[in-house]
Amino acid sequence: MSTRGEESVADTLGVPRDDLSVFVTHLCLVVGVVFFRWSIDELILVYLIEIGVTILLFATAALFAAQPIDDGEADKWGEAPNPIELPLLPPLYRRNVRLVARQLLNGAGFFCFFALIAVSVFELGLSSLSSLSVVLTIAAVCGSQAAQVWRQFLGDGSYRDRSPADALKLALRPIGRLLVIALYVIAPITVAIGFTTILVLDVESVSAVPYGDTLILLAYVVPIGAASVWLRNDRFEMGLSY
């Protein structure tokens, strides 16, 4: 998606460009739950892919960032950058590679931990990709994230004015955001749903309520989407150790 196309979509939907990727993801999730009767398996799969794609794309963009890190090791970042020229791509900076690898190792550990728990608990598999609606949603999520990376780091040579830390903070933000949302959004909603189901509705399962499964999933997706928007950019930062 081009910068102009991204701006046009954001204006059409009436959302800020910085919130577009989050909005697209959760709009697709709501549509999937309401119209295609997705289960929690599809939702978790899309969330995991979104986090993984975000980490991969922004970490890749960090390799091309030309500016040094101000509060890093002065000697290291004061050296000549010695970029590696690549065909059809911006120059890749050797000094960024070790930093990106180290931060990815830390971030990937947390991500893999949550992913393994999700896969084991919900028995996620390739069968979830058999649905065309899921595949189209994943494509939309990947496209919106790629557009954001292009706009912030690659388009118009903006990588020349950014440091690798700028990209890595955005790459690792979804992991920190996941921890915050799990603690302050998912946990309270789960308690509230359990209380309502057992004590108020006096049923053993939400399946006994008309459209209960759909309503339960929406009760998670909508607040998670709102929290993700609120935690974006200047409202949430990841600390990096150089």
Protein backbone atom coordinates (compact mmCIF):
# COMPACT_ATOMS: atom_id res chain seq x y z
CA MET A 1 0.00 0.00 0.00
CA SER A 2 1.46 3.38 -1.01
CA THR A 3 1.63 6.34 1.34
CA ARG A 4 -1.09 8.08 -0.64
CA GLY A 5 -3.23 4.94 -0.59
CA GLU A 6 -2.73 4.54 3.15
CA GLU A 7 -3.73 8.16 3.71
CA SER A 8 -6.82 7.71 1.53
CA VAL A 9 -7.91 4.61 3.46
CA ALA A 10 -7.34 6.34 6.81
CA ASP A 11 -9.38 9.36 5.70
CA THR A 12 -12.17 7.13 4.40
CA LEU A 13 -12.36 5.21 7.68
CA GLY A 14 -11.98 8.40 9.72
CA VAL A 15 -9.02 7.19 11.78
CA PRO A 16 -5.49 8.61 12.26
CA ARG A 17 -2.85 7.00 10.06
CA ASP A 18 -0.91 5.81 13.10
CA ASP A 19 -3.99 3.87 14.25
CA LEU A 20 -4.78 2.39 10.83
CA SER A 21 -3.04 -0.97 11.27
CA VAL A 22 -4.69 -1.60 14.65
CA PHE A 23 -8.07 -0.50 13.28
CA VAL A 24 -7.78 -2.74 10.22
CA THR A 25 -6.82 -5.74 12.35
CA HIS A 26 -9.70 -5.43 14.77
CA LEU A 27 -12.24 -4.48 12.12
CA CYS A 28 -11.35 -7.70 10.31
CA LEU A 29 -11.63 -9.64 13.56
CA VAL A 30 -15.09 -8.23 14.29
CA VAL A 31 -16.24 -9.07 10.76
CA GLY A 32 -14.82 -12.58 11.10
CA VAL A 33 -16.56 -13.21 14.42
CA VAL A 34 -19.94 -11.75 13.41
CA PHE A 35 -20.29 -12.87 9.80
CA PHE A 36 -18.00 -15.91 9.51
CA ARG A 37 -18.51 -17.34 13.01
CA TRP A 38 -14.82 -17.49 13.81
CA SER A 39 -13.76 -19.30 16.94
CA ILE A 40 -11.10 -18.23 19.41
CA ASP A 41 -8.58 -20.28 17.41
CA GLU A 42 -8.78 -17.95 14.41
CA LEU A 43 -8.58 -14.86 16.61
CA ILE A 44 -5.44 -16.01 18.40
CA LEU A 45 -3.85 -17.07 15.12
CA VAL A 46 -4.39 -13.60 13.63
CA TYR A 47 -3.06 -11.89 16.77
CA LEU A 48 0.08 -14.05 16.79
CA ILE A 49 0.73 -13.44 13.10
CA GLU A 50 0.24 -9.69 13.57
CA ILE A 51 2.81 -9.60 16.38
CA GLY A 52 5.28 -11.77 14.46
CA VAL A 53 4.97 -9.72 11.26
CA THR A 54 5.35 -6.45 13.18
CA ILE A 55 8.54 -7.68 14.87
CA LEU A 56 10.00 -8.96 11.60
CA LEU A 57 9.20 -5.88 9.49
CA PHE A 58 10.36 -3.21 11.93
CA ALA A 59 13.47 -5.21 12.88
CA THR A 60 14.32 -5.42 9.18
CA ALA A 61 13.81 -1.67 8.84
CA ALA A 62 16.23 -1.16 11.75
CA LEU A 63 19.03 -2.68 9.66
CA PHE A 64 18.76 0.22 7.20
CA ALA A 65 18.56 3.07 9.75
CA ALA A 66 21.48 5.40 9.11
CA GLN A 67 21.63 7.51 12.28
CA PRO A 68 23.64 6.42 15.35
CA ILE A 69 22.07 5.83 18.75
CA ASP A 70 22.73 8.83 20.98
CA ASP A 71 22.90 6.98 24.28
CA GLY A 72 24.64 3.88 22.98
CA GLU A 73 28.36 3.10 23.15
CA ALA A 74 30.04 6.27 21.92
CA ASP A 75 33.02 4.53 20.30
CA LYS A 76 30.90 2.01 18.45
CA TRP A 77 28.39 4.49 17.07
CA GLY A 78 31.04 7.10 16.36
CA GLU A 79 32.78 4.84 13.84
CA ALA A 80 32.28 5.20 10.11
CA PRO A 81 29.00 3.46 9.25
CA ASN A 82 30.48 1.42 6.33
CA PRO A 83 27.15 0.58 4.72
CA ILE A 84 26.66 -2.52 2.59
CA GLU A 85 25.17 -1.55 -0.74
CA LEU A 86 22.33 -3.84 -1.81
CA PRO A 87 20.55 -3.92 -5.16
CA LEU A 88 17.02 -2.46 -5.07
CA LEU A 89 17.31 -1.87 -1.31
CA PRO A 90 18.66 0.91 0.94
CA PRO A 91 22.19 0.48 2.32
CA LEU A 92 22.46 -2.00 5.20
CA TYR A 93 24.62 -0.89 8.15
CA ARG A 94 26.90 -3.46 9.78
CA ARG A 95 26.81 -1.72 13.15
CA ASN A 96 23.04 -2.29 13.31
CA VAL A 97 23.16 -6.05 12.81
CA ARG A 98 24.39 -7.04 16.28
CA LEU A 99 21.97 -4.67 18.02
CA VAL A 100 19.01 -5.96 16.01
CA ALA A 101 20.01 -9.59 16.62
CA ARG A 102 20.36 -9.05 20.38
CA GLN A 103 17.05 -7.25 20.74
CA LEU A 104 15.27 -9.78 18.55
CA LEU A 105 16.64 -12.62 20.66
CA ASN A 106 15.16 -11.07 23.79
CA GLY A 107 11.87 -10.17 22.15
CA ALA A 108 11.53 -13.45 20.30
CA GLY A 109 11.90 -15.32 23.58
CA PHE A 110 8.82 -13.65 25.05
CA PHE A 111 6.88 -14.01 21.80
CA CYS A 112 7.71 -17.70 21.43
CA PHE A 113 6.74 -18.30 25.05
CA PHE A 114 3.25 -16.90 24.52
CA ALA A 115 2.94 -18.52 21.09
CA LEU A 116 3.81 -21.97 22.45
CA ILE A 117 1.28 -21.59 25.26
CA ALA A 118 -1.40 -20.57 22.75
CA VAL A 119 -0.58 -23.42 20.38
CA SER A 120 -0.64 -26.02 23.16
CA VAL A 121 -3.78 -24.74 24.89
CA PHE A 122 -5.89 -24.03 21.82
CA GLU A 123 -4.34 -26.64 19.52
CA LEU A 124 -3.71 -24.14 16.74
CA GLY A 125 -2.71 -25.58 13.40
CA LEU A 126 -2.65 -25.02 9.68
CA SER A 127 -6.31 -26.06 9.52
CA SER A 128 -7.22 -22.53 10.64
CA LEU A 129 -5.75 -21.25 7.36
CA SER A 130 -8.24 -23.28 5.34
CA SER A 131 -10.77 -20.45 5.68
CA LEU A 132 -10.57 -17.81 2.94
CA SER A 133 -11.75 -15.13 5.37
CA VAL A 134 -8.81 -15.89 7.69
CA VAL A 135 -6.31 -15.79 4.82
CA LEU A 136 -7.70 -12.44 3.59
CA THR A 137 -7.55 -11.03 7.11
CA ILE A 138 -3.92 -12.09 7.50
CA ALA A 139 -3.13 -10.48 4.14
CA ALA A 140 -4.82 -7.24 5.25
CA VAL A 141 -2.93 -7.25 8.56
CA CYS A 142 0.42 -7.84 6.84
CA GLY A 143 -0.34 -5.16 4.25
CA SER A 144 -1.25 -2.54 6.85
CA GLN A 145 1.90 -3.26 8.85
CA ALA A 146 4.06 -3.12 5.72
CA ALA A 147 2.50 0.24 4.81
CA GLN A 148 3.31 1.60 8.26
CA VAL A 149 6.94 0.46 8.04
CA TRP A 150 7.26 1.97 4.57
CA ARG A 151 5.79 5.30 5.66
CA GLN A 152 7.86 5.63 8.82
CA PHE A 153 11.23 4.22 7.76
CA LEU A 154 11.65 3.54 4.05
CA GLY A 155 9.49 5.86 1.98
CA ASP A 156 11.20 9.04 0.69
CA GLY A 157 14.51 7.90 2.20
CA SER A 158 13.29 8.45 5.76
CA TYR A 159 15.65 5.69 6.98
CA ARG A 160 18.47 8.24 6.61
CA ASP A 161 17.05 10.28 9.49
CA ARG A 162 16.17 7.40 11.83
CA SER A 163 18.24 5.30 14.21
CA PRO A 164 17.87 1.52 14.65
CA ALA A 165 16.49 2.16 18.13
CA ASP A 166 13.51 3.98 16.59
CA ALA A 167 12.56 0.90 14.59
CA LEU A 168 13.33 -1.61 17.34
CA LYS A 169 11.07 0.15 19.82
CA LEU A 170 8.21 -0.23 17.35
CA ALA A 171 9.21 -3.84 16.65
CA LEU A 172 9.09 -4.83 20.31
CA ARG A 173 6.12 -2.69 21.33
CA PRO A 174 3.50 -5.41 20.56
CA ILE A 175 5.17 -7.72 23.10
CA GLY A 176 4.99 -5.17 25.91
CA ARG A 177 1.49 -4.23 24.81
CA LEU A 178 0.48 -7.90 24.98
CA LEU A 179 1.64 -8.13 28.60
CA VAL A 180 -0.27 -4.99 29.58
CA ILE A 181 -3.45 -6.06 27.77
CA ALA A 182 -3.30 -9.58 29.21
CA LEU A 183 -3.04 -8.20 32.74
CA TYR A 184 -5.40 -5.22 32.61
CA VAL A 185 -7.90 -6.16 29.87
CA ILE A 186 -8.11 -9.91 29.26
CA ALA A 187 -7.93 -10.98 32.92
CA PRO A 188 -10.66 -8.59 34.17
CA ILE A 189 -12.93 -9.44 31.23
CA THR A 190 -12.51 -13.15 31.92
CA VAL A 191 -13.45 -12.67 35.57
CA ALA A 192 -16.44 -10.51 34.63
CA ILE A 193 -17.68 -13.04 32.07
CA GLY A 194 -17.33 -15.90 34.55
CA PHE A 195 -19.21 -13.94 37.21
CA THR A 196 -21.99 -12.98 34.79
CA THR A 197 -22.35 -16.48 33.38
CA ILE A 198 -22.56 -18.32 36.69
CA LEU A 199 -24.19 -15.86 39.07
CA VAL A 200 -26.30 -13.60 36.87
CA LEU A 201 -27.38 -15.79 33.95
CA ASP A 202 -27.28 -18.98 36.04
CA VAL A 203 -25.91 -21.12 33.21
CA GLU A 204 -22.87 -23.36 33.11
CA SER A 205 -21.68 -22.28 29.66
CA VAL A 206 -22.12 -19.25 27.42
CA SER A 207 -23.13 -21.67 24.67
CA ALA A 208 -26.48 -21.93 26.43
CA VAL A 209 -27.14 -18.25 25.69
CA PRO A 210 -28.33 -17.27 22.17
CA TYR A 211 -25.30 -16.02 20.20
CA GLY A 212 -23.34 -16.48 23.41
CA ASP A 213 -20.07 -17.53 21.76
CA THR A 214 -20.16 -14.55 19.38
CA LEU A 215 -20.91 -12.08 22.17
CA ILE A 216 -18.11 -13.48 24.32
CA LEU A 217 -15.54 -13.12 21.54
CA LEU A 218 -16.70 -9.56 20.81
CA ALA A 219 -16.40 -8.81 24.53
CA TYR A 220 -12.68 -9.52 24.15
CA VAL A 221 -11.96 -8.17 20.65
CA VAL A 222 -13.49 -4.70 21.06
CA PRO A 223 -11.79 -3.77 24.37
CA ILE A 224 -8.48 -5.25 23.17
CA GLY A 225 -8.70 -3.11 20.04
CA ALA A 226 -9.47 0.02 22.08
CA ALA A 227 -6.60 -0.72 24.46
CA SER A 228 -4.22 -1.35 21.54
CA VAL A 229 -5.04 2.07 20.09
CA TRP A 230 -4.62 3.78 23.45
CA LEU A 231 -1.25 2.09 24.03
CA ARG A 232 0.15 3.03 20.63
CA ASN A 233 3.06 5.35 19.88
CA ASP A 234 3.62 8.14 22.44
CA ARG A 235 1.45 6.44 25.07
CA PHE A 236 3.62 3.35 25.32
CA GLU A 237 7.36 2.93 24.93
CA MET A 238 9.67 -0.06 25.12
CA GLY A 239 13.02 0.39 26.81
CA LEU A 240 16.08 -0.96 25.02
CA SER A 241 19.46 -1.93 26.43
CA TYR A 242 22.28 -1.15 24.01
